[in-house]
Amino acid sequence: MKAKNAISKLALENGVTVKEVRAEIQKAIDEGMKSTDPQAMEMWKKVPRKGERPTPEEFIDYAAKKVRKQL
Protein backbone atom coordinates (compact mmCIF):
# COMPACT_ATOMS: atom_id res chain seq x y z
CA MET A 1 0.00 0.00 0.00
CA LYS A 2 2.85 2.39 0.78
CA ALA A 3 4.28 1.87 -2.70
CA LYS A 4 0.98 2.84 -4.31
CA ASN A 5 0.89 5.97 -2.17
CA ALA A 6 4.46 6.82 -3.15
CA ILE A 7 3.63 6.43 -6.84
CA SER A 8 0.53 8.60 -6.47
CA LYS A 9 2.52 11.27 -4.64
CA LEU A 10 5.23 11.26 -7.35
CA ALA A 11 2.59 11.65 -10.04
CA LEU A 12 0.95 14.55 -8.23
CA GLU A 13 4.26 16.31 -7.53
CA ASN A 14 5.36 15.99 -11.15
CA GLY A 15 2.05 16.78 -12.80
CA VAL A 16 1.79 13.42 -14.55
CA THR A 17 -0.52 10.44 -14.27
CA VAL A 18 0.01 7.43 -12.04
CA LYS A 19 0.10 5.38 -15.22
CA GLU A 20 3.04 7.46 -16.51
CA VAL A 21 4.98 7.08 -13.26
CA ARG A 22 4.40 3.34 -13.21
CA ALA A 23 5.49 3.07 -16.86
CA GLU A 24 8.74 4.95 -16.18
CA ILE A 25 9.54 2.84 -13.13
CA GLN A 26 8.75 -0.35 -15.05
CA LYS A 27 11.00 0.80 -17.87
CA ALA A 28 13.84 1.33 -15.38
CA ILE A 29 13.24 -2.12 -13.85
CA ASP A 30 13.23 -3.74 -17.29
CA GLU A 31 16.50 -2.01 -18.24
CA GLY A 32 18.10 -2.90 -14.91
CA MET A 33 17.18 -6.55 -15.33
CA LYS A 34 19.06 -6.66 -18.64
CA SER A 35 22.36 -6.16 -16.82
CA THR A 36 24.93 -8.92 -17.19
CA ASP A 37 26.81 -7.73 -14.10
CA PRO A 38 26.87 -10.70 -11.68
CA GLN A 39 26.07 -8.51 -8.64
CA ALA A 40 23.12 -6.90 -10.41
CA MET A 41 21.84 -10.28 -11.57
CA GLU A 42 22.04 -11.61 -8.01
CA MET A 43 20.21 -8.56 -6.64
CA TRP A 44 17.37 -8.95 -9.16
CA LYS A 45 16.96 -12.62 -8.16
CA LYS A 46 16.24 -11.45 -4.60
CA VAL A 47 13.42 -9.07 -5.51
CA PRO A 48 10.13 -10.79 -4.64
CA ARG A 49 7.64 -10.88 -7.50
CA LYS A 50 4.56 -12.69 -8.62
CA GLY A 51 5.46 -12.63 -12.31
CA GLU A 52 8.57 -12.75 -14.46
CA ARG A 53 9.51 -9.17 -13.61
CA PRO A 54 8.74 -7.20 -10.47
CA THR A 55 6.04 -4.56 -10.68
CA PRO A 56 6.91 -1.01 -9.62
CA GLU A 57 5.10 -1.64 -6.34
CA GLU A 58 6.96 -4.89 -5.68
CA PHE A 59 10.29 -3.20 -6.37
CA ILE A 60 9.52 -0.14 -4.24
CA ASP A 61 8.45 -2.35 -1.32
CA TYR A 62 11.63 -4.42 -1.64
CA ALA A 63 13.89 -1.36 -1.90
CA ALA A 64 12.20 0.35 1.05
CA LYS A 65 12.70 -2.72 3.24
CA LYS A 66 16.39 -2.88 2.24
CA VAL A 67 16.88 0.79 3.13
CA ARG A 68 15.09 0.39 6.49
CA LYS A 69 17.41 -2.52 7.40
CA GLN A 70 20.45 -0.34 6.72
CA LEU A 71 19.27 2.50 9.01
PDB file of N, CA and C in Angstrom:
ATOM      1  N   MET A   1       0.822  -1.191   0.000  1.00  0.00           N
ATOM      2  CA  MET A   1       0.000   0.000   0.000  1.00  0.00           C
ATOM      3  C   MET A   1       0.867   1.256   0.000  1.00  0.00           C
ATOM      4  N   LYS A   2       1.976   1.229   0.728  1.00  0.00           N
ATOM      5  CA  LYS A   2       2.853   2.390   0.777  1.00  0.00           C
ATOM      6  C   LYS A   2       3.442   2.697  -0.593  1.00  0.00           C
ATOM      7  N   ALA A   3       3.729   1.667  -1.361  1.00  0.00           N
ATOM      8  CA  ALA A   3       4.285   1.873  -2.700  1.00  0.00           C
ATOM      9  C   ALA A   3       3.273   2.575  -3.590  1.00  0.00           C
ATOM     10  N   LYS A   4       2.019   2.183  -3.508  1.00  0.00           N
ATOM     11  CA  LYS A   4       0.985   2.835  -4.308  1.00  0.00           C
ATOM     12  C   LYS A   4       0.864   4.299  -3.927  1.00  0.00           C
ATOM     13  N   ASN A   5       0.948   4.576  -2.627  1.00  0.00           N
ATOM     14  CA  ASN A   5       0.885   5.967  -2.169  1.00  0.00           C
ATOM     15  C   ASN A   5       2.084   6.756  -2.678  1.00  0.00           C
ATOM     16  N   ALA A   6       3.248   6.145  -2.670  1.00  0.00           N
ATOM     17  CA  ALA A   6       4.455   6.820  -3.154  1.00  0.00           C
ATOM     18  C   ALA A   6       4.336   7.140  -4.641  1.00  0.00           C
ATOM     19  N   ILE A   7       3.811   6.215  -5.407  1.00  0.00           N
ATOM     20  CA  ILE A   7       3.629   6.430  -6.839  1.00  0.00           C
ATOM     21  C   ILE A   7       2.620   7.550  -7.079  1.00  0.00           C
ATOM     22  N   SER A   8       1.537   7.542  -6.337  1.00  0.00           N
ATOM     23  CA  SER A   8       0.529   8.596  -6.469  1.00  0.00           C
ATOM     24  C   SER A   8       1.111   9.964  -6.127  1.00  0.00           C
ATOM     25  N   LYS A   9       1.904  10.008  -5.061  1.00  0.00           N
ATOM     26  CA  LYS A   9       2.522  11.266  -4.645  1.00  0.00           C
ATOM     27  C   LYS A   9       3.497  11.774  -5.712  1.00  0.00           C
ATOM     28  N   LEU A  10       4.304  10.872  -6.278  1.00  0.00           N
ATOM     29  CA  LEU A  10       5.226  11.257  -7.349  1.00  0.00           C
ATOM     30  C   LEU A  10       4.478  11.821  -8.551  1.00  0.00           C
ATOM     31  N   ALA A  11       3.388  11.185  -8.901  1.00  0.00           N
ATOM     32  CA  ALA A  11       2.591  11.648 -10.041  1.00  0.00           C
ATOM     33  C   ALA A  11       2.057  13.054  -9.776  1.00  0.00           C
ATOM     34  N   LEU A  12       1.504  13.259  -8.599  1.00  0.00           N
ATOM     35  CA  LEU A  12       0.951  14.554  -8.233  1.00  0.00           C
ATOM     36  C   LEU A  12       2.031  15.637  -8.232  1.00  0.00           C
ATOM     37  N   GLU A  13       3.168  15.337  -7.623  1.00  0.00           N
ATOM     38  CA  GLU A  13       4.261  16.308  -7.526  1.00  0.00           C
ATOM     39  C   GLU A  13       4.845  16.679  -8.891  1.00  0.00           C
ATOM     40  N   ASN A  14       4.764  15.760  -9.838  1.00  0.00           N
ATOM     41  CA  ASN A  14       5.364  15.993 -11.154  1.00  0.00           C
ATOM     42  C   ASN A  14       4.345  16.310 -12.245  1.00  0.00           C
ATOM     43  N   GLY A  15       3.087  16.417 -11.852  1.00  0.00           N
ATOM     44  CA  GLY A  15       2.046  16.779 -12.802  1.00  0.00           C
ATOM     45  C   GLY A  15       1.836  15.766 -13.916  1.00  0.00           C
ATOM     46  N   VAL A  16       2.001  14.497 -13.572  1.00  0.00           N
ATOM     47  CA  VAL A  16       1.792  13.424 -14.549  1.00  0.00           C
ATOM     48  C   VAL A  16       0.809  12.410 -13.950  1.00  0.00           C
ATOM     49  N   THR A  17       0.418  11.453 -14.752  1.00  0.00           N
ATOM     50  CA  THR A  17      -0.522  10.442 -14.269  1.00  0.00           C
ATOM     51  C   THR A  17       0.219   9.322 -13.531  1.00  0.00           C
ATOM     52  N   VAL A  18      -0.528   8.612 -12.723  1.00  0.00           N
ATOM     53  CA  VAL A  18       0.008   7.433 -12.040  1.00  0.00           C
ATOM     54  C   VAL A  18       0.493   6.431 -13.086  1.00  0.00           C
ATOM     55  N   LYS A  19      -0.263   6.309 -14.146  1.00  0.00           N
ATOM     56  CA  LYS A  19       0.099   5.382 -15.215  1.00  0.00           C
ATOM     57  C   LYS A  19       1.471   5.737 -15.801  1.00  0.00           C
ATOM     58  N   GLU A  20       1.744   7.034 -15.975  1.00  0.00           N
ATOM     59  CA  GLU A  20       3.036   7.463 -16.511  1.00  0.00           C
ATOM     60  C   GLU A  20       4.174   7.152 -15.541  1.00  0.00           C
ATOM     61  N   VAL A  21       3.948   7.384 -14.264  1.00  0.00           N
ATOM     62  CA  VAL A  21       4.977   7.085 -13.256  1.00  0.00           C
ATOM     63  C   VAL A  21       5.267   5.592 -13.234  1.00  0.00           C
ATOM     64  N   ARG A  22       4.213   4.788 -13.213  1.00  0.00           N
ATOM     65  CA  ARG A  22       4.397   3.337 -13.210  1.00  0.00           C
ATOM     66  C   ARG A  22       5.154   2.876 -14.446  1.00  0.00           C
ATOM     67  N   ALA A  23       4.826   3.459 -15.602  1.00  0.00           N
ATOM     68  CA  ALA A  23       5.485   3.071 -16.855  1.00  0.00           C
ATOM     69  C   ALA A  23       6.976   3.406 -16.812  1.00  0.00           C
ATOM     70  N   GLU A  24       7.325   4.563 -16.272  1.00  0.00           N
ATOM     71  CA  GLU A  24       8.736   4.952 -16.181  1.00  0.00           C
ATOM     72  C   GLU A  24       9.501   4.048 -15.216  1.00  0.00           C
ATOM     73  N   ILE A  25       8.884   3.736 -14.087  1.00  0.00           N
ATOM     74  CA  ILE A  25       9.536   2.837 -13.128  1.00  0.00           C
ATOM     75  C   ILE A  25       9.697   1.449 -13.740  1.00  0.00           C
ATOM     76  N   GLN A  26       8.665   0.975 -14.417  1.00  0.00           N
ATOM     77  CA  GLN A  26       8.747  -0.350 -15.047  1.00  0.00           C
ATOM     78  C   GLN A  26       9.829  -0.371 -16.107  1.00  0.00           C
ATOM     79  N   LYS A  27       9.961   0.717 -16.856  1.00  0.00           N
ATOM     80  CA  LYS A  27      11.003   0.801 -17.873  1.00  0.00           C
ATOM     81  C   LYS A  27      12.386   0.705 -17.224  1.00  0.00           C
ATOM     82  N   ALA A  28      12.558   1.383 -16.091  1.00  0.00           N
ATOM     83  CA  ALA A  28      13.841   1.326 -15.376  1.00  0.00           C
ATOM     84  C   ALA A  28      14.115  -0.085 -14.852  1.00  0.00           C
ATOM     85  N   ILE A  29      13.094  -0.743 -14.330  1.00  0.00           N
ATOM     86  CA  ILE A  29      13.235  -2.118 -13.851  1.00  0.00           C
ATOM     87  C   ILE A  29      13.649  -3.024 -15.011  1.00  0.00           C
ATOM     88  N   ASP A  30      12.943  -2.903 -16.125  1.00  0.00           N
ATOM     89  CA  ASP A  30      13.235  -3.743 -17.287  1.00  0.00           C
ATOM     90  C   ASP A  30      14.668  -3.540 -17.778  1.00  0.00           C
ATOM     91  N   GLU A  31      15.122  -2.294 -17.816  1.00  0.00           N
ATOM     92  CA  GLU A  31      16.495  -2.006 -18.240  1.00  0.00           C
ATOM     93  C   GLU A  31      17.494  -2.576 -17.237  1.00  0.00           C
ATOM     94  N   GLY A  32      17.206  -2.394 -15.947  1.00  0.00           N
ATOM     95  CA  GLY A  32      18.103  -2.905 -14.915  1.00  0.00           C
ATOM     96  C   GLY A  32      18.235  -4.419 -14.962  1.00  0.00           C
ATOM     97  N   MET A  33      17.160  -5.091 -15.290  1.00  0.00           N
ATOM     98  CA  MET A  33      17.182  -6.549 -15.329  1.00  0.00           C
ATOM     99  C   MET A  33      17.938  -7.094 -16.533  1.00  0.00           C
ATOM    100  N   LYS A  34      18.271  -6.237 -17.479  1.00  0.00           N
ATOM    101  CA  LYS A  34      19.055  -6.658 -18.645  1.00  0.00           C
ATOM    102  C   LYS A  34      20.549  -6.729 -18.330  1.00  0.00           C
ATOM    103  N   SER A  35      20.943  -6.208 -17.184  1.00  0.00           N
ATOM    104  CA  SER A  35      22.357  -6.162 -16.825  1.00  0.00           C
ATOM    105  C   SER A  35      22.967  -7.556 -16.781  1.00  0.00           C
ATOM    106  N   THR A  36      24.196  -7.650 -17.257  1.00  0.00           N
ATOM    107  CA  THR A  36      24.930  -8.915 -17.190  1.00  0.00           C
ATOM    108  C   THR A  36      25.936  -8.899 -16.044  1.00  0.00           C
ATOM    109  N   ASP A  37      25.939  -7.828 -15.264  1.00  0.00           N
ATOM    110  CA  ASP A  37      26.815  -7.731 -14.101  1.00  0.00           C
ATOM    111  C   ASP A  37      26.363  -8.773 -13.068  1.00  0.00           C
ATOM    112  N   PRO A  38      27.267  -9.637 -12.618  1.00  0.00           N
ATOM    113  CA  PRO A  38      26.871 -10.698 -11.677  1.00  0.00           C
ATOM    114  C   PRO A  38      26.209 -10.178 -10.400  1.00  0.00           C
ATOM    115  N   GLN A  39      26.691  -9.053  -9.862  1.00  0.00           N
ATOM    116  CA  GLN A  39      26.074  -8.508  -8.645  1.00  0.00           C
ATOM    117  C   GLN A  39      24.654  -8.017  -8.918  1.00  0.00           C
ATOM    118  N   ALA A  40      24.464  -7.377 -10.052  1.00  0.00           N
ATOM    119  CA  ALA A  40      23.123  -6.902 -10.411  1.00  0.00           C
ATOM    120  C   ALA A  40      22.187  -8.081 -10.622  1.00  0.00           C
ATOM    121  N   MET A  41      22.669  -9.095 -11.304  1.00  0.00           N
ATOM    122  CA  MET A  41      21.844 -10.275 -11.566  1.00  0.00           C
ATOM    123  C   MET A  41      21.421 -10.939 -10.259  1.00  0.00           C
ATOM    124  N   GLU A  42      22.336 -11.007  -9.314  1.00  0.00           N
ATOM    125  CA  GLU A  42      22.036 -11.605  -8.014  1.00  0.00           C
ATOM    126  C   GLU A  42      21.002 -10.769  -7.258  1.00  0.00           C
ATOM    127  N   MET A  43      21.153  -9.446  -7.316  1.00  0.00           N
ATOM    128  CA  MET A  43      20.207  -8.562  -6.642  1.00  0.00           C
ATOM    129  C   MET A  43      18.806  -8.757  -7.215  1.00  0.00           C
ATOM    130  N   TRP A  44      18.687  -8.810  -8.540  1.00  0.00           N
ATOM    131  CA  TRP A  44      17.368  -8.953  -9.157  1.00  0.00           C
ATOM    132  C   TRP A  44      16.723 -10.287  -8.791  1.00  0.00           C
ATOM    133  N   LYS A  45      17.528 -11.321  -8.571  1.00  0.00           N
ATOM    134  CA  LYS A  45      16.964 -12.620  -8.159  1.00  0.00           C
ATOM    135  C   LYS A  45      16.294 -12.525  -6.797  1.00  0.00           C
ATOM    136  N   LYS A  46      16.761 -11.583  -5.957  1.00  0.00           N
ATOM    137  CA  LYS A  46      16.242 -11.452  -4.596  1.00  0.00           C
ATOM    138  C   LYS A  46      14.956 -10.639  -4.507  1.00  0.00           C
ATOM    139  N   VAL A  47      14.616  -9.919  -5.552  1.00  0.00           N
ATOM    140  CA  VAL A  47      13.425  -9.070  -5.515  1.00  0.00           C
ATOM    141  C   VAL A  47      12.180  -9.955  -5.627  1.00  0.00           C
ATOM    142  N   PRO A  48      11.346  -9.973  -4.594  1.00  0.00           N
ATOM    143  CA  PRO A  48      10.132 -10.785  -4.641  1.00  0.00           C
ATOM    144  C   PRO A  48       9.194 -10.300  -5.744  1.00  0.00           C
ATOM    145  N   ARG A  49       8.574 -11.234  -6.423  1.00  0.00           N
ATOM    146  CA  ARG A  49       7.644 -10.884  -7.500  1.00  0.00           C
ATOM    147  C   ARG A  49       6.681 -12.021  -7.750  1.00  0.00           C
ATOM    148  N   LYS A  50       5.549 -11.674  -8.267  1.00  0.00           N
ATOM    149  CA  LYS A  50       4.555 -12.691  -8.615  1.00  0.00           C
ATOM    150  C   LYS A  50       4.743 -13.166 -10.052  1.00  0.00           C
ATOM    151  N   GLY A  51       5.262 -12.293 -10.910  1.00  0.00           N
ATOM    152  CA  GLY A  51       5.456 -12.633 -12.308  1.00  0.00           C
ATOM    153  C   GLY A  51       6.926 -12.748 -12.666  1.00  0.00           C
ATOM    154  N   GLU A  52       7.195 -12.645 -13.957  1.00  0.00           N
ATOM    155  CA  GLU A  52       8.566 -12.755 -14.455  1.00  0.00           C
ATOM    156  C   GLU A  52       9.424 -11.562 -14.030  1.00  0.00           C
ATOM    157  N   ARG A  53       8.818 -10.393 -14.001  1.00  0.00           N
ATOM    158  CA  ARG A  53       9.513  -9.170 -13.611  1.00  0.00           C
ATOM    159  C   ARG A  53       8.739  -8.518 -12.471  1.00  0.00           C
ATOM    160  N   PRO A  54       9.456  -7.870 -11.552  1.00  0.00           N
ATOM    161  CA  PRO A  54       8.739  -7.196 -10.469  1.00  0.00           C
ATOM    162  C   PRO A  54       7.941  -5.999 -10.995  1.00  0.00           C
ATOM    163  N   THR A  55       6.817  -5.758 -10.366  1.00  0.00           N
ATOM    164  CA  THR A  55       6.040  -4.562 -10.676  1.00  0.00           C
ATOM    165  C   THR A  55       6.711  -3.382  -9.976  1.00  0.00           C
ATOM    166  N   PRO A  56       6.363  -2.160 -10.343  1.00  0.00           N
ATOM    167  CA  PRO A  56       6.909  -1.012  -9.621  1.00  0.00           C
ATOM    168  C   PRO A  56       6.640  -1.101  -8.118  1.00  0.00           C
ATOM    169  N   GLU A  57       5.431  -1.523  -7.760  1.00  0.00           N
ATOM    170  CA  GLU A  57       5.096  -1.636  -6.341  1.00  0.00           C
ATOM    171  C   GLU A  57       5.946  -2.696  -5.648  1.00  0.00           C
ATOM    172  N   GLU A  58       6.137  -3.829  -6.278  1.00  0.00           N
ATOM    173  CA  GLU A  58       6.963  -4.887  -5.685  1.00  0.00           C
ATOM    174  C   GLU A  58       8.395  -4.402  -5.490  1.00  0.00           C
ATOM    175  N   PHE A  59       8.922  -3.687  -6.486  1.00  0.00           N
ATOM    176  CA  PHE A  59      10.293  -3.204  -6.374  1.00  0.00           C
ATOM    177  C   PHE A  59      10.416  -2.125  -5.303  1.00  0.00           C
ATOM    178  N   ILE A  60       9.471  -1.194  -5.254  1.00  0.00           N
ATOM    179  CA  ILE A  60       9.519  -0.137  -4.238  1.00  0.00           C
ATOM    180  C   ILE A  60       9.447  -0.741  -2.846  1.00  0.00           C
ATOM    181  N   ASP A  61       8.553  -1.697  -2.636  1.00  0.00           N
ATOM    182  CA  ASP A  61       8.446  -2.353  -1.325  1.00  0.00           C
ATOM    183  C   ASP A  61       9.757  -3.028  -0.945  1.00  0.00           C
ATOM    184  N   TYR A  62      10.359  -3.739  -1.890  1.00  0.00           N
ATOM    185  CA  TYR A  62      11.627  -4.418  -1.642  1.00  0.00           C
ATOM    186  C   TYR A  62      12.728  -3.406  -1.305  1.00  0.00           C
ATOM    187  N   ALA A  63      12.848  -2.364  -2.114  1.00  0.00           N
ATOM    188  CA  ALA A  63      13.893  -1.363  -1.904  1.00  0.00           C
ATOM    189  C   ALA A  63      13.709  -0.644  -0.567  1.00  0.00           C
ATOM    190  N   ALA A  64      12.473  -0.331  -0.228  1.00  0.00           N
ATOM    191  CA  ALA A  64      12.203   0.352   1.046  1.00  0.00           C
ATOM    192  C   ALA A  64      12.605  -0.526   2.225  1.00  0.00           C
ATOM    193  N   LYS A  65      12.317  -1.804   2.154  1.00  0.00           N
ATOM    194  CA  LYS A  65      12.700  -2.721   3.237  1.00  0.00           C
ATOM    195  C   LYS A  65      14.218  -2.810   3.360  1.00  0.00           C
ATOM    196  N   LYS A  66      14.920  -2.833   2.226  1.00  0.00           N
ATOM    197  CA  LYS A  66      16.393  -2.884   2.242  1.00  0.00           C
ATOM    198  C   LYS A  66      16.947  -1.623   2.896  1.00  0.00           C
ATOM    199  N   VAL A  67      16.388  -0.475   2.576  1.00  0.00           N
ATOM    200  CA  VAL A  67      16.877   0.788   3.128  1.00  0.00           C
ATOM    201  C   VAL A  67      16.615   0.818   4.635  1.00  0.00           C
ATOM    202  N   ARG A  68      15.422   0.398   5.064  1.00  0.00           N
ATOM    203  CA  ARG A  68      15.089   0.386   6.491  1.00  0.00           C
ATOM    204  C   ARG A  68      16.072  -0.486   7.269  1.00  0.00           C
ATOM    205  N   LYS A  69      16.472  -1.616   6.708  1.00  0.00           N
ATOM    206  CA  LYS A  69      17.406  -2.515   7.395  1.00  0.00           C
ATOM    207  C   LYS A  69      18.763  -1.864   7.585  1.00  0.00           C
ATOM    208  N   GLN A  70      19.129  -0.976   6.663  1.00  0.00           N
ATOM    209  CA  GLN A  70      20.445  -0.340   6.724  1.00  0.00           C
ATOM    210  C   GLN A  70      20.479   0.858   7.664  1.00  0.00           C
ATOM    211  N   LEU A  71      19.311   1.334   8.106  1.00  0.00           N
ATOM    212  CA  LEU A  71      19.275   2.500   9.008  1.00  0.00           C
ATOM    213  C   LEU A  71      19.509   2.119  10.434  1.00  0.00           C
TER     214      LEU A  71
END
